C-alpha atoms as a PDB file:
ATOM      1  CA  MET A   1     -22.741 135.020 -41.271  1.00  0.00           C
ATOM      2  CA  LEU A   2     -26.032 134.391 -39.527  1.00  0.00           C
ATOM      3  CA  ILE A   3     -27.826 134.212 -42.854  1.00  0.00           C
ATOM      4  CA  ARG A   4     -25.380 131.617 -44.157  1.00  0.00           C
ATOM      5  CA  LEU A   5     -25.869 129.478 -41.073  1.00  0.00           C
ATOM      6  CA  ALA A   6     -29.639 129.738 -41.408  1.00  0.00           C
ATOM      7  CA  ILE A   7     -29.471 128.699 -45.056  1.00  0.00           C
ATOM      8  CA  ILE A   8     -27.239 125.737 -44.290  1.00  0.00           C
ATOM      9  CA  PHE A   9     -29.524 124.774 -41.414  1.00  0.00           C
ATOM     10  CA  LEU A  10     -32.588 124.919 -43.680  1.00  0.00           C
ATOM     11  CA  LEU A  11     -30.912 122.962 -46.457  1.00  0.00           C
ATOM     12  CA  VAL A  12     -29.781 120.206 -44.119  1.00  0.00           C
ATOM     13  CA  PHE A  13     -33.211 119.736 -42.579  1.00  0.00           C
ATOM     14  CA  ALA A  14     -34.957 120.073 -45.928  1.00  0.00           C
ATOM     15  CA  GLN A  15     -32.760 117.301 -47.320  1.00  0.00           C
ATOM     16  CA  VAL A  16     -33.505 115.039 -44.369  1.00  0.00           C
ATOM     17  CA  GLY A  17     -37.223 115.500 -44.962  1.00  0.00           C
ATOM     18  CA  PHE A  18     -36.898 114.912 -48.685  1.00  0.00           C
ATOM     19  CA  PHE A  19     -34.724 111.822 -48.399  1.00  0.00           C
ATOM     20  CA  ALA A  20     -37.163 110.265 -45.946  1.00  0.00           C
ATOM     21  CA  ASN A  21     -39.912 110.450 -48.583  1.00  0.00           C
ATOM     22  CA  VAL A  22     -37.865 109.490 -51.643  1.00  0.00           C
ATOM     23  CA  GLU A  23     -39.052 105.902 -51.684  1.00  0.00           C
ATOM     24  CA  ALA A  24     -42.698 106.850 -51.251  1.00  0.00           C
ATOM     25  CA  LYS A  25     -42.705 109.506 -53.979  1.00  0.00           C
ATOM     26  CA  GLY A  26     -41.761 109.444 -57.603  1.00  0.00           C
ATOM     27  CA  ASP A  27     -38.905 111.466 -59.038  1.00  0.00           C
ATOM     28  CA  GLU A  28     -41.196 114.225 -60.323  1.00  0.00           C
ATOM     29  CA  ASP A  29     -42.833 114.734 -56.941  1.00  0.00           C
ATOM     30  CA  TYR A  30     -39.427 114.742 -55.282  1.00  0.00           C
ATOM     31  CA  HIS A  31     -38.139 117.371 -57.706  1.00  0.00           C
ATOM     32  CA  ARG A  32     -41.243 119.509 -57.206  1.00  0.00           C
ATOM     33  CA  ASP A  33     -40.711 119.418 -53.444  1.00  0.00           C
ATOM     34  CA  ILE A  34     -37.098 120.493 -53.887  1.00  0.00           C
ATOM     35  CA  LEU A  35     -38.169 123.302 -56.211  1.00  0.00           C
ATOM     36  CA  ARG A  36     -40.783 124.507 -53.702  1.00  0.00           C
ATOM     37  CA  ALA A  37     -38.209 124.515 -50.907  1.00  0.00           C
ATOM     38  CA  LEU A  38     -35.740 126.440 -53.068  1.00  0.00           C
ATOM     39  CA  LYS A  39     -38.433 128.989 -53.930  1.00  0.00           C
ATOM     40  CA  LYS A  40     -39.164 129.487 -50.227  1.00  0.00           C
ATOM     41  CA  ILE A  41     -35.463 129.950 -49.456  1.00  0.00           C
ATOM     42  CA  ASN A  42     -35.103 132.378 -52.358  1.00  0.00           C
ATOM     43  CA  ALA A  43     -38.108 134.416 -51.225  1.00  0.00           C
ATOM     44  CA  ARG A  44     -36.686 134.646 -47.711  1.00  0.00           C
ATOM     45  CA  LEU A  45     -33.273 135.738 -49.019  1.00  0.00           C
ATOM     46  CA  ILE A  46     -34.871 138.422 -51.182  1.00  0.00           C
ATOM     47  CA  TYR A  47     -36.804 139.678 -48.155  1.00  0.00           C
ATOM     48  CA  LEU A  48     -33.621 139.821 -46.054  1.00  0.00           C
ATOM     49  CA  GLU A  49     -31.665 141.583 -48.798  1.00  0.00           C
ATOM     50  CA  ASN A  50     -34.431 144.163 -49.248  1.00  0.00           C
ATOM     51  CA  ASP A  51     -34.325 144.906 -45.517  1.00  0.00           C
ATOM     52  CA  LYS A  52     -30.571 145.404 -45.716  1.00  0.00           C
ATOM     53  CA  LEU A  53     -30.929 147.679 -48.733  1.00  0.00           C
ATOM     54  CA  LYS A  54     -33.518 149.828 -46.964  1.00  0.00           C
ATOM     55  CA  SER A  55     -31.235 150.145 -43.954  1.00  0.00           C
ATOM     56  CA  ILE A  56     -28.248 151.071 -46.108  1.00  0.00           C
ATOM     57  CA  GLN A  57     -30.345 153.585 -48.041  1.00  0.00           C
ATOM     58  CA  SER A  58     -31.448 155.340 -44.844  1.00  0.00           C
ATOM     59  CA  VAL A  59     -27.837 155.530 -43.630  1.00  0.00           C
ATOM     60  CA  GLN A  60     -26.773 156.914 -46.992  1.00  0.00           C
ATOM     61  CA  GLU A  61     -29.515 159.566 -46.909  1.00  0.00           C
ATOM     62  CA  ASN A  62     -28.430 160.517 -43.389  1.00  0.00           C
ATOM     63  CA  LEU A  63     -24.812 160.908 -44.489  1.00  0.00           C
ATOM     64  CA  HIS A  64     -25.852 162.953 -47.516  1.00  0.00           C
ATOM     65  CA  ARG A  65     -27.868 165.288 -45.293  1.00  0.00           C
ATOM     66  CA  ARG A  66     -24.896 165.741 -42.929  1.00  0.00           C
ATOM     67  CA  ILE A  67     -22.542 166.459 -45.831  1.00  0.00           C
ATOM     68  CA  GLU A  68     -24.921 169.140 -47.103  1.00  0.00           C
ATOM     69  CA  GLU A  69     -25.076 170.702 -43.620  1.00  0.00           C
ATOM     70  CA  ILE A  70     -21.276 170.769 -43.388  1.00  0.00           C
ATOM     71  CA  ARG A  71     -21.025 172.256 -46.873  1.00  0.00           C
ATOM     72  CA  ASP A  72     -23.482 175.021 -45.927  1.00  0.00           C
ATOM     73  CA  SER A  73     -21.596 175.685 -42.683  1.00  0.00           C
ATOM     74  CA  LEU A  74     -18.298 175.980 -44.569  1.00  0.00           C
ATOM     75  CA  GLN A  75     -19.825 178.460 -47.002  1.00  0.00           C
ATOM     76  CA  GLN A  76     -21.087 180.560 -44.092  1.00  0.00           C
ATOM     77  CA  ILE A  77     -17.664 180.471 -42.407  1.00  0.00           C
ATOM     78  CA  GLN A  78     -15.958 181.476 -45.650  1.00  0.00           C
ATOM     79  CA  ALA A  79     -18.445 184.308 -46.163  1.00  0.00           C
ATOM     80  CA  THR A  80     -17.815 185.721 -42.668  1.00  0.00           C
ATOM     81  CA  GLY A  81     -14.043 185.471 -43.143  1.00  0.00           C
ATOM     82  CA  GLU A  82     -14.130 187.453 -46.395  1.00  0.00           C
ATOM     83  CA  ILE A  83     -16.058 190.380 -44.961  1.00  0.00           C
END
């Protein structure tokens, strides 16, 4: 939710800045500025998504490790019960 608000915030202020300079610049310059702003937003989103993926991956590794520990413990309990 915070990311969406940040994106909307950036887009609104980017548009205000672009519309203020529309008369002074030609269409090509205006479109280049928009493209640059979109590239910056995209780079930031990729960075944020990569951080999330790293966090999720570490949680997943942690859970996998715990599952393996429980599996080993169950095997030990079963082995002692059979003797």
